[in-house]
Amino acid sequence: MLQEAQAAAGGISGADLIQVAKYLAAGLCMGIGAFGPGLGIGNAVAHALDGIARQPESRPALFSTMIIGCAFVETTAIYALLISIVLLFVV
């Protein structure tokens, strides 16, 4: 069994390893890069809805502030997407 594994590994070139590392890095970058903003946006929306439920007259101010905050948080995921695209197509 060890000899079969060594024979299979002997056919893997450096270019193949680079390709695998590229795909793995892009997937990890996008996965981790989307996890934080997802939690942040969920938290922001939950607290904004809680505030609107407590004081319905403050809806316009809370809603606009929440949208601006969500846009700032979402830029992290967009940067992760750009880095993933660069890893896949440039490197």
C-alpha atoms as a PDB file:
ATOM      1  CA  MET A   1       0.000   0.000   0.000  1.00  0.00           C
ATOM      2  CA  LEU A   2       2.853   2.374   0.786  1.00  0.00           C
ATOM      3  CA  GLN A   3       4.441   1.624  -2.563  1.00  0.00           C
ATOM      4  CA  GLU A   4       1.172   2.467  -4.353  1.00  0.00           C
ATOM      5  CA  ALA A   5       0.967   5.791  -2.521  1.00  0.00           C
ATOM      6  CA  GLN A   6       4.574   6.605  -3.380  1.00  0.00           C
ATOM      7  CA  ALA A   7       3.949   5.727  -7.023  1.00  0.00           C
ATOM      8  CA  ALA A   8       0.861   7.952  -7.115  1.00  0.00           C
ATOM      9  CA  ALA A   9       2.698  10.816  -5.404  1.00  0.00           C
ATOM     10  CA  GLY A  10       5.573  10.484  -7.847  1.00  0.00           C
ATOM     11  CA  GLY A  11       3.285  11.685 -10.660  1.00  0.00           C
ATOM     12  CA  ILE A  12       2.416  14.954  -8.900  1.00  0.00           C
ATOM     13  CA  SER A  13       4.401  17.907 -10.185  1.00  0.00           C
ATOM     14  CA  GLY A  14       5.106  21.254  -8.570  1.00  0.00           C
ATOM     15  CA  ALA A  15       2.588  22.944 -10.868  1.00  0.00           C
ATOM     16  CA  ASP A  16      -0.125  20.590  -9.616  1.00  0.00           C
ATOM     17  CA  LEU A  17       0.692  21.473  -6.008  1.00  0.00           C
ATOM     18  CA  ILE A  18       0.539  25.175  -6.806  1.00  0.00           C
ATOM     19  CA  GLN A  19      -2.856  24.688  -8.453  1.00  0.00           C
ATOM     20  CA  VAL A  20      -4.188  22.827  -5.405  1.00  0.00           C
ATOM     21  CA  ALA A  21      -2.821  25.491  -3.056  1.00  0.00           C
ATOM     22  CA  LYS A  22      -4.459  28.216  -5.161  1.00  0.00           C
ATOM     23  CA  TYR A  23      -7.888  26.632  -4.979  1.00  0.00           C
ATOM     24  CA  LEU A  24      -7.546  25.869  -1.288  1.00  0.00           C
ATOM     25  CA  ALA A  25      -6.412  29.414  -0.469  1.00  0.00           C
ATOM     26  CA  ALA A  26      -9.217  30.987  -2.502  1.00  0.00           C
ATOM     27  CA  GLY A  27     -11.821  28.798  -0.825  1.00  0.00           C
ATOM     28  CA  LEU A  28     -10.503  29.514   2.667  1.00  0.00           C
ATOM     29  CA  CYS A  29     -10.268  33.232   1.926  1.00  0.00           C
ATOM     30  CA  MET A  30     -13.869  33.405   0.791  1.00  0.00           C
ATOM     31  CA  GLY A  31     -15.164  31.140   3.547  1.00  0.00           C
ATOM     32  CA  ILE A  32     -13.477  32.996   6.379  1.00  0.00           C
ATOM     33  CA  GLY A  33     -13.999  36.355   4.696  1.00  0.00           C
ATOM     34  CA  ALA A  34     -17.763  35.844   4.501  1.00  0.00           C
ATOM     35  CA  PHE A  35     -18.199  34.391   7.998  1.00  0.00           C
ATOM     36  CA  GLY A  36     -17.397  37.592   9.914  1.00  0.00           C
ATOM     37  CA  PRO A  37     -19.544  39.943   7.834  1.00  0.00           C
ATOM     38  CA  GLY A  38     -22.421  37.473   8.007  1.00  0.00           C
ATOM     39  CA  LEU A  39     -22.310  37.528  11.779  1.00  0.00           C
ATOM     40  CA  GLY A  40     -21.878  41.306  11.870  1.00  0.00           C
ATOM     41  CA  ILE A  41     -24.785  42.047   9.555  1.00  0.00           C
ATOM     42  CA  GLY A  42     -27.017  39.598  11.396  1.00  0.00           C
ATOM     43  CA  ASN A  43     -26.162  41.240  14.690  1.00  0.00           C
ATOM     44  CA  ALA A  44     -26.756  44.742  13.312  1.00  0.00           C
ATOM     45  CA  VAL A  45     -30.137  43.851  11.817  1.00  0.00           C
ATOM     46  CA  ALA A  46     -31.246  42.065  14.995  1.00  0.00           C
ATOM     47  CA  HIS A  47     -30.444  45.062  17.161  1.00  0.00           C
ATOM     48  CA  ALA A  48     -32.010  47.500  14.716  1.00  0.00           C
ATOM     49  CA  LEU A  49     -35.225  45.478  14.658  1.00  0.00           C
ATOM     50  CA  ASP A  50     -35.173  45.333  18.444  1.00  0.00           C
ATOM     51  CA  GLY A  51     -34.846  49.122  18.584  1.00  0.00           C
ATOM     52  CA  ILE A  52     -37.649  49.598  16.045  1.00  0.00           C
ATOM     53  CA  ALA A  53     -39.876  47.240  18.031  1.00  0.00           C
ATOM     54  CA  ARG A  54     -39.271  49.265  21.196  1.00  0.00           C
ATOM     55  CA  GLN A  55     -39.662  52.698  19.591  1.00  0.00           C
ATOM     56  CA  PRO A  56     -41.453  52.532  16.221  1.00  0.00           C
ATOM     57  CA  GLU A  57     -41.123  56.302  15.700  1.00  0.00           C
ATOM     58  CA  SER A  58     -37.321  55.957  15.475  1.00  0.00           C
ATOM     59  CA  ARG A  59     -37.559  53.660  12.440  1.00  0.00           C
ATOM     60  CA  PRO A  60     -36.207  56.083   9.784  1.00  0.00           C
ATOM     61  CA  ALA A  61     -33.077  56.938  11.771  1.00  0.00           C
ATOM     62  CA  LEU A  62     -32.391  53.348  12.804  1.00  0.00           C
ATOM     63  CA  PHE A  63     -33.019  51.980   9.326  1.00  0.00           C
ATOM     64  CA  SER A  64     -30.705  54.409   7.537  1.00  0.00           C
ATOM     65  CA  THR A  65     -27.954  53.927  10.121  1.00  0.00           C
ATOM     66  CA  MET A  66     -28.326  50.152   9.860  1.00  0.00           C
ATOM     67  CA  ILE A  67     -28.045  50.231   6.063  1.00  0.00           C
ATOM     68  CA  ILE A  68     -24.880  52.352   6.203  1.00  0.00           C
ATOM     69  CA  GLY A  69     -23.373  50.060   8.842  1.00  0.00           C
ATOM     70  CA  CYS A  70     -24.222  46.963   6.809  1.00  0.00           C
ATOM     71  CA  ALA A  71     -22.555  48.503   3.761  1.00  0.00           C
ATOM     72  CA  PHE A  72     -19.359  49.079   5.749  1.00  0.00           C
ATOM     73  CA  VAL A  73     -19.415  45.541   7.117  1.00  0.00           C
ATOM     74  CA  GLU A  74     -20.068  44.054   3.672  1.00  0.00           C
ATOM     75  CA  THR A  75     -16.910  45.643   2.252  1.00  0.00           C
ATOM     76  CA  THR A  76     -14.872  43.019   4.127  1.00  0.00           C
ATOM     77  CA  ALA A  77     -16.619  40.242   2.205  1.00  0.00           C
ATOM     78  CA  ILE A  78     -16.129  42.119  -1.063  1.00  0.00           C
ATOM     79  CA  TYR A  79     -12.398  42.462  -0.353  1.00  0.00           C
ATOM     80  CA  ALA A  80     -12.232  38.725   0.374  1.00  0.00           C
ATOM     81  CA  LEU A  81     -13.976  38.048  -2.942  1.00  0.00           C
ATOM     82  CA  LEU A  82     -11.493  40.248  -4.802  1.00  0.00           C
ATOM     83  CA  ILE A  83      -8.542  38.503  -3.162  1.00  0.00           C
ATOM     84  CA  SER A  84     -10.026  35.115  -4.041  1.00  0.00           C
ATOM     85  CA  ILE A  85     -10.439  36.159  -7.668  1.00  0.00           C
ATOM     86  CA  VAL A  86      -6.857  37.417  -7.765  1.00  0.00           C
ATOM     87  CA  LEU A  87      -5.634  34.135  -6.287  1.00  0.00           C
ATOM     88  CA  LEU A  88      -7.536  32.111  -8.867  1.00  0.00           C
ATOM     89  CA  PHE A  89      -6.786  34.072 -12.017  1.00  0.00           C
ATOM     90  CA  VAL A  90      -3.556  36.022 -11.448  1.00  0.00           C
ATOM     91  CA  VAL A  91      -1.313  33.844  -9.300  1.00  0.00           C
END
